[in-house]
PDB file of N, CA and C in Angstrom:
ATOM      1  N   MET A   1     100.610 151.978 105.896  1.00  0.00           N
ATOM      2  CA  MET A   1     101.450 152.199 106.570  1.00  0.00           C
ATOM      3  C   MET A   1     101.907 153.729 106.305  1.00  0.00           C
ATOM      4  N   ASP A   2     102.684 154.348 107.575  1.00  0.00           N
ATOM      5  CA  ASP A   2     103.306 155.745 107.181  1.00  0.00           C
ATOM      6  C   ASP A   2     104.508 155.711 106.261  1.00  0.00           C
ATOM      7  N   ASP A   3     104.810 156.778 105.921  1.00  0.00           N
ATOM      8  CA  ASP A   3     106.081 156.905 104.892  1.00  0.00           C
ATOM      9  C   ASP A   3     107.081 156.841 106.167  1.00  0.00           C
ATOM     10  N   PHE A   4     108.379 155.967 105.711  1.00  0.00           N
ATOM     11  CA  PHE A   4     109.376 155.816 106.607  1.00  0.00           C
ATOM     12  C   PHE A   4     109.781 157.221 107.171  1.00  0.00           C
ATOM     13  N   ASN A   5     110.224 158.187 106.085  1.00  0.00           N
ATOM     14  CA  ASN A   5     110.734 159.370 106.504  1.00  0.00           C
ATOM     15  C   ASN A   5     109.954 160.119 107.551  1.00  0.00           C
ATOM     16  N   GLU A   6     108.748 160.105 107.676  1.00  0.00           N
ATOM     17  CA  GLU A   6     107.876 160.856 108.431  1.00  0.00           C
ATOM     18  C   GLU A   6     107.828 159.932 109.797  1.00  0.00           C
ATOM     19  N   ILE A   7     108.068 158.548 109.966  1.00  0.00           N
ATOM     20  CA  ILE A   7     108.148 157.814 111.212  1.00  0.00           C
ATOM     21  C   ILE A   7     109.717 158.380 111.600  1.00  0.00           C
ATOM     22  N   LEU A   8     110.597 158.274 110.574  1.00  0.00           N
ATOM     23  CA  LEU A   8     111.933 158.747 111.186  1.00  0.00           C
ATOM     24  C   LEU A   8     112.003 160.215 111.678  1.00  0.00           C
ATOM     25  N   ARG A   9     111.395 161.048 111.372  1.00  0.00           N
ATOM     26  CA  ARG A   9     111.275 162.388 111.598  1.00  0.00           C
ATOM     27  C   ARG A   9     110.637 162.350 112.884  1.00  0.00           C
ATOM     28  N   ARG A  10     109.724 161.820 113.333  1.00  0.00           N
ATOM     29  CA  ARG A  10     109.058 161.647 114.794  1.00  0.00           C
ATOM     30  C   ARG A  10     110.069 160.872 115.533  1.00  0.00           C
ATOM     31  N   ALA A  11     110.527 159.974 115.018  1.00  0.00           N
ATOM     32  CA  ALA A  11     111.617 159.281 116.081  1.00  0.00           C
ATOM     33  C   ALA A  11     112.910 160.162 116.522  1.00  0.00           C
ATOM     34  N   ILE A  12     113.344 160.960 115.512  1.00  0.00           N
ATOM     35  CA  ILE A  12     114.364 162.054 116.019  1.00  0.00           C
ATOM     36  C   ILE A  12     114.003 163.079 116.728  1.00  0.00           C
ATOM     37  N   GLN A  13     112.489 163.339 116.774  1.00  0.00           N
ATOM     38  CA  GLN A  13     111.963 164.322 117.853  1.00  0.00           C
ATOM     39  C   GLN A  13     111.604 163.889 118.892  1.00  0.00           C
ATOM     40  N   GLY A  14     111.832 162.445 119.307  1.00  0.00           N
ATOM     41  CA  GLY A  14     111.601 161.633 120.495  1.00  0.00           C
ATOM     42  C   GLY A  14     110.412 160.967 120.675  1.00  0.00           C
ATOM     43  N   ASP A  15     109.483 160.851 119.858  1.00  0.00           N
ATOM     44  CA  ASP A  15     108.456 159.877 119.761  1.00  0.00           C
ATOM     45  C   ASP A  15     108.658 158.289 120.012  1.00  0.00           C
ATOM     46  N   ALA A  16     108.707 157.977 121.009  1.00  0.00           N
ATOM     47  CA  ALA A  16     108.888 156.618 121.391  1.00  0.00           C
ATOM     48  C   ALA A  16     108.291 155.543 120.596  1.00  0.00           C
ATOM     49  N   PRO A  17     107.029 155.587 120.234  1.00  0.00           N
ATOM     50  CA  PRO A  17     106.448 154.638 119.287  1.00  0.00           C
ATOM     51  C   PRO A  17     106.830 154.649 118.148  1.00  0.00           C
ATOM     52  N   SER A  18     107.711 155.811 117.268  1.00  0.00           N
ATOM     53  CA  SER A  18     108.191 155.775 116.267  1.00  0.00           C
ATOM     54  C   SER A  18     109.374 155.072 116.201  1.00  0.00           C
ATOM     55  N   VAL A  19     110.275 155.271 117.573  1.00  0.00           N
ATOM     56  CA  VAL A  19     111.558 154.561 117.509  1.00  0.00           C
ATOM     57  C   VAL A  19     111.078 153.088 117.773  1.00  0.00           C
ATOM     58  N   GLU A  20     110.183 152.701 118.398  1.00  0.00           N
ATOM     59  CA  GLU A  20     109.920 151.099 118.421  1.00  0.00           C
ATOM     60  C   GLU A  20     109.533 150.655 117.085  1.00  0.00           C
ATOM     61  N   GLN A  21     108.735 151.455 116.060  1.00  0.00           N
ATOM     62  CA  GLN A  21     108.482 150.949 114.881  1.00  0.00           C
ATOM     63  C   GLN A  21     109.591 150.851 113.948  1.00  0.00           C
ATOM     64  N   ILE A  22     110.631 151.676 114.028  1.00  0.00           N
ATOM     65  CA  ILE A  22     111.980 151.570 113.558  1.00  0.00           C
ATOM     66  C   ILE A  22     112.681 150.344 113.834  1.00  0.00           C
ATOM     67  N   ILE A  23     112.819 149.969 115.037  1.00  0.00           N
ATOM     68  CA  ILE A  23     113.309 148.849 115.625  1.00  0.00           C
ATOM     69  C   ILE A  23     112.710 147.660 114.997  1.00  0.00           C
ATOM     70  N   ARG A  24     111.407 147.631 115.214  1.00  0.00           N
ATOM     71  CA  ARG A  24     110.601 146.610 114.760  1.00  0.00           C
ATOM     72  C   ARG A  24     111.056 146.218 113.098  1.00  0.00           C
ATOM     73  N   ARG A  25     111.127 147.363 112.439  1.00  0.00           N
ATOM     74  CA  ARG A  25     111.499 147.238 111.028  1.00  0.00           C
ATOM     75  C   ARG A  25     112.619 146.606 110.705  1.00  0.00           C
ATOM     76  N   TYR A  26     113.655 146.722 111.522  1.00  0.00           N
ATOM     77  CA  TYR A  26     114.899 146.435 111.249  1.00  0.00           C
ATOM     78  C   TYR A  26     115.355 145.098 112.102  1.00  0.00           C
ATOM     79  N   GLN A  27     114.314 144.640 112.904  1.00  0.00           N
ATOM     80  CA  GLN A  27     114.570 143.563 113.622  1.00  0.00           C
ATOM     81  C   GLN A  27     115.232 142.494 113.457  1.00  0.00           C
ATOM     82  N   PRO A  28     115.062 141.957 111.961  1.00  0.00           N
ATOM     83  CA  PRO A  28     115.836 140.882 111.515  1.00  0.00           C
ATOM     84  C   PRO A  28     117.314 141.276 111.195  1.00  0.00           C
ATOM     85  N   LEU A  29     117.667 142.611 110.856  1.00  0.00           N
ATOM     86  CA  LEU A  29     119.258 143.008 110.716  1.00  0.00           C
ATOM     87  C   LEU A  29     119.481 142.758 112.168  1.00  0.00           C
ATOM     88  N   ILE A  30     118.957 143.310 113.251  1.00  0.00           N
ATOM     89  CA  ILE A  30     119.247 143.508 114.450  1.00  0.00           C
ATOM     90  C   ILE A  30     119.798 142.129 114.929  1.00  0.00           C
ATOM     91  N   ASN A  31     118.776 141.110 114.642  1.00  0.00           N
ATOM     92  CA  ASN A  31     119.060 139.828 114.990  1.00  0.00           C
ATOM     93  C   ASN A  31     120.331 139.154 114.564  1.00  0.00           C
ATOM     94  N   ARG A  32     120.463 139.476 113.331  1.00  0.00           N
ATOM     95  CA  ARG A  32     121.695 138.773 112.542  1.00  0.00           C
ATOM     96  C   ARG A  32     122.949 139.349 113.215  1.00  0.00           C
ATOM     97  N   TYR A  33     123.086 140.539 113.649  1.00  0.00           N
ATOM     98  CA  TYR A  33     124.072 141.178 114.237  1.00  0.00           C
ATOM     99  C   TYR A  33     124.183 140.909 115.467  1.00  0.00           C
ATOM    100  N   SER A  34     123.446 140.162 116.243  1.00  0.00           N
ATOM    101  CA  SER A  34     123.523 139.792 117.570  1.00  0.00           C
ATOM    102  C   SER A  34     123.697 138.332 117.990  1.00  0.00           C
ATOM    103  N   ILE A  35     124.265 137.722 117.036  1.00  0.00           N
ATOM    104  CA  ILE A  35     124.540 136.341 116.924  1.00  0.00           C
ATOM    105  C   ILE A  35     125.971 136.331 117.435  1.00  0.00           C
ATOM    106  N   TRP A  36     126.337 135.407 118.484  1.00  0.00           N
ATOM    107  CA  TRP A  36     127.443 135.316 119.142  1.00  0.00           C
ATOM    108  C   TRP A  36     127.719 134.010 119.213  1.00  0.00           C
ATOM    109  N   ASN A  37     128.862 133.404 118.728  1.00  0.00           N
ATOM    110  CA  ASN A  37     129.173 131.958 118.960  1.00  0.00           C
ATOM    111  C   ASN A  37     127.856 131.146 118.332  1.00  0.00           C
ATOM    112  N   GLY A  38     127.485 131.431 117.450  1.00  0.00           N
ATOM    113  CA  GLY A  38     126.312 130.940 116.666  1.00  0.00           C
ATOM    114  C   GLY A  38     124.802 131.044 117.297  1.00  0.00           C
ATOM    115  N   ARG A  39     124.832 131.760 118.048  1.00  0.00           N
ATOM    116  CA  ARG A  39     123.262 131.758 118.836  1.00  0.00           C
ATOM    117  C   ARG A  39     123.221 133.340 119.234  1.00  0.00           C
ATOM    118  N   LEU A  40     121.853 133.687 119.341  1.00  0.00           N
ATOM    119  CA  LEU A  40     121.091 134.765 119.265  1.00  0.00           C
ATOM    120  C   LEU A  40     121.657 135.326 120.758  1.00  0.00           C
ATOM    121  N   ASP A  41     122.220 136.492 120.851  1.00  0.00           N
ATOM    122  CA  ASP A  41     122.541 136.707 122.261  1.00  0.00           C
ATOM    123  C   ASP A  41     121.880 137.759 122.761  1.00  0.00           C
ATOM    124  N   GLU A  42     120.865 137.546 123.845  1.00  0.00           N
ATOM    125  CA  GLU A  42     119.621 138.539 124.122  1.00  0.00           C
ATOM    126  C   GLU A  42     120.185 139.576 124.492  1.00  0.00           C
ATOM    127  N   ASP A  43     121.554 139.905 125.217  1.00  0.00           N
ATOM    128  CA  ASP A  43     122.019 140.946 125.835  1.00  0.00           C
ATOM    129  C   ASP A  43     122.590 141.846 124.900  1.00  0.00           C
ATOM    130  N   LEU A  44     122.995 140.961 123.727  1.00  0.00           N
ATOM    131  CA  LEU A  44     123.751 142.020 122.837  1.00  0.00           C
ATOM    132  C   LEU A  44     122.486 142.682 122.039  1.00  0.00           C
ATOM    133  N   ARG A  45     121.509 141.682 121.803  1.00  0.00           N
ATOM    134  CA  ARG A  45     120.182 142.343 120.953  1.00  0.00           C
ATOM    135  C   ARG A  45     119.811 143.573 121.699  1.00  0.00           C
ATOM    136  N   GLN A  46     119.743 143.583 123.063  1.00  0.00           N
ATOM    137  CA  GLN A  46     119.087 144.686 123.761  1.00  0.00           C
ATOM    138  C   GLN A  46     120.133 145.690 123.431  1.00  0.00           C
ATOM    139  N   TYR A  47     121.197 145.454 123.472  1.00  0.00           N
ATOM    140  CA  TYR A  47     122.288 146.573 123.548  1.00  0.00           C
ATOM    141  C   TYR A  47     122.249 147.249 122.341  1.00  0.00           C
ATOM    142  N   ILE A  48     122.149 146.536 121.207  1.00  0.00           N
ATOM    143  CA  ILE A  48     121.956 147.174 119.784  1.00  0.00           C
ATOM    144  C   ILE A  48     120.790 147.947 119.964  1.00  0.00           C
ATOM    145  N   GLU A  49     119.551 147.408 120.304  1.00  0.00           N
ATOM    146  CA  GLU A  49     118.173 148.414 120.455  1.00  0.00           C
ATOM    147  C   GLU A  49     118.556 149.401 121.159  1.00  0.00           C
ATOM    148  N   LEU A  50     118.912 149.366 122.279  1.00  0.00           N
ATOM    149  CA  LEU A  50     119.264 150.483 123.132  1.00  0.00           C
ATOM    150  C   LEU A  50     119.909 151.527 122.374  1.00  0.00           C
ATOM    151  N   GLN A  51     121.157 151.212 121.948  1.00  0.00           N
ATOM    152  CA  GLN A  51     121.917 152.541 121.087  1.00  0.00           C
ATOM    153  C   GLN A  51     121.137 153.064 120.012  1.00  0.00           C
ATOM    154  N   ILE A  52     120.307 152.134 119.421  1.00  0.00           N
ATOM    155  CA  ILE A  52     119.394 152.890 118.307  1.00  0.00           C
ATOM    156  C   ILE A  52     118.459 153.926 118.889  1.00  0.00           C
ATOM    157  N   PHE A  53     117.822 153.437 120.057  1.00  0.00           N
ATOM    158  CA  PHE A  53     116.937 154.228 120.894  1.00  0.00           C
ATOM    159  C   PHE A  53     117.827 155.749 121.464  1.00  0.00           C
ATOM    160  N   ARG A  54     119.021 155.401 121.897  1.00  0.00           N
ATOM    161  CA  ARG A  54     119.788 156.362 122.352  1.00  0.00           C
ATOM    162  C   ARG A  54     120.414 157.275 121.445  1.00  0.00           C
ATOM    163  N   LYS A  55     120.679 156.784 120.143  1.00  0.00           N
ATOM    164  CA  LYS A  55     121.439 157.631 119.163  1.00  0.00           C
ATOM    165  C   LYS A  55     120.481 158.223 117.972  1.00  0.00           C
ATOM    166  N   ILE A  56     119.250 157.669 117.943  1.00  0.00           N
ATOM    167  CA  ILE A  56     118.589 158.161 116.933  1.00  0.00           C
ATOM    168  C   ILE A  56     117.897 159.649 116.926  1.00  0.00           C
ATOM    169  N   SER A  57     118.029 160.387 118.155  1.00  0.00           N
ATOM    170  CA  SER A  57     117.685 161.675 118.264  1.00  0.00           C
ATOM    171  C   SER A  57     119.030 162.345 117.659  1.00  0.00           C
ATOM    172  N   LYS A  58     120.312 162.137 117.396  1.00  0.00           N
ATOM    173  CA  LYS A  58     121.337 162.760 116.870  1.00  0.00           C
ATOM    174  C   LYS A  58     121.339 162.392 115.292  1.00  0.00           C
ATOM    175  N   PHE A  59     120.601 161.597 114.654  1.00  0.00           N
ATOM    176  CA  PHE A  59     120.391 161.589 113.426  1.00  0.00           C
ATOM    177  C   PHE A  59     120.108 162.823 112.638  1.00  0.00           C
ATOM    178  N   ASN A  60     120.733 163.158 111.538  1.00  0.00           N
ATOM    179  CA  ASN A  60     120.568 164.399 110.665  1.00  0.00           C
ATOM    180  C   ASN A  60     119.888 163.744 109.561  1.00  0.00           C
ATOM    181  N   LEU A  61     118.578 163.950 109.642  1.00  0.00           N
ATOM    182  CA  LEU A  61     117.876 163.738 108.369  1.00  0.00           C
ATOM    183  C   LEU A  61     117.902 164.205 106.991  1.00  0.00           C
ATOM    184  N   TYR A  62     118.523 165.143 107.009  1.00  0.00           N
ATOM    185  CA  TYR A  62     118.999 166.022 105.939  1.00  0.00           C
ATOM    186  C   TYR A  62     120.505 165.952 105.517  1.00  0.00           C
ATOM    187  N   ALA A  63     121.065 165.347 106.204  1.00  0.00           N
ATOM    188  CA  ALA A  63     122.594 165.482 105.844  1.00  0.00           C
ATOM    189  C   ALA A  63     122.807 164.879 104.384  1.00  0.00           C
ATOM    190  N   GLY A  64     123.665 165.564 103.672  1.00  0.00           N
ATOM    191  CA  GLY A  64     124.038 165.028 102.119  1.00  0.00           C
ATOM    192  C   GLY A  64     123.019 165.810 101.289  1.00  0.00           C
ATOM    193  N   ASN A  65     121.769 166.127 101.752  1.00  0.00           N
ATOM    194  CA  ASN A  65     120.682 166.550 100.958  1.00  0.00           C
ATOM    195  C   ASN A  65     120.209 167.985 101.220  1.00  0.00           C
ATOM    196  N   PRO A  66     120.927 168.840 100.968  1.00  0.00           N
ATOM    197  CA  PRO A  66     120.586 170.202 101.432  1.00  0.00           C
ATOM    198  C   PRO A  66     119.260 170.637 100.418  1.00  0.00           C
ATOM    199  N   LYS A  67     118.652 171.421 101.185  1.00  0.00           N
ATOM    200  CA  LYS A  67     117.284 171.978 100.825  1.00  0.00           C
ATOM    201  C   LYS A  67     117.488 172.870  99.527  1.00  0.00           C
TER     202      LYS A  67
END
């Protein structure tokens, strides 16, 4: 499997398969935060995934870690 930093770098650059790989990697956490009234809310899960997809390009891979 590719190094996570490399996958994240490609996702930030807009590589959709890399974003999908990140979403799959964190699916259990996404599902946990998609529980509403004791049930998995599919709309909420999709909303969270969409926000990840939309916001990942704004992520600063080097924040707090100057070269």
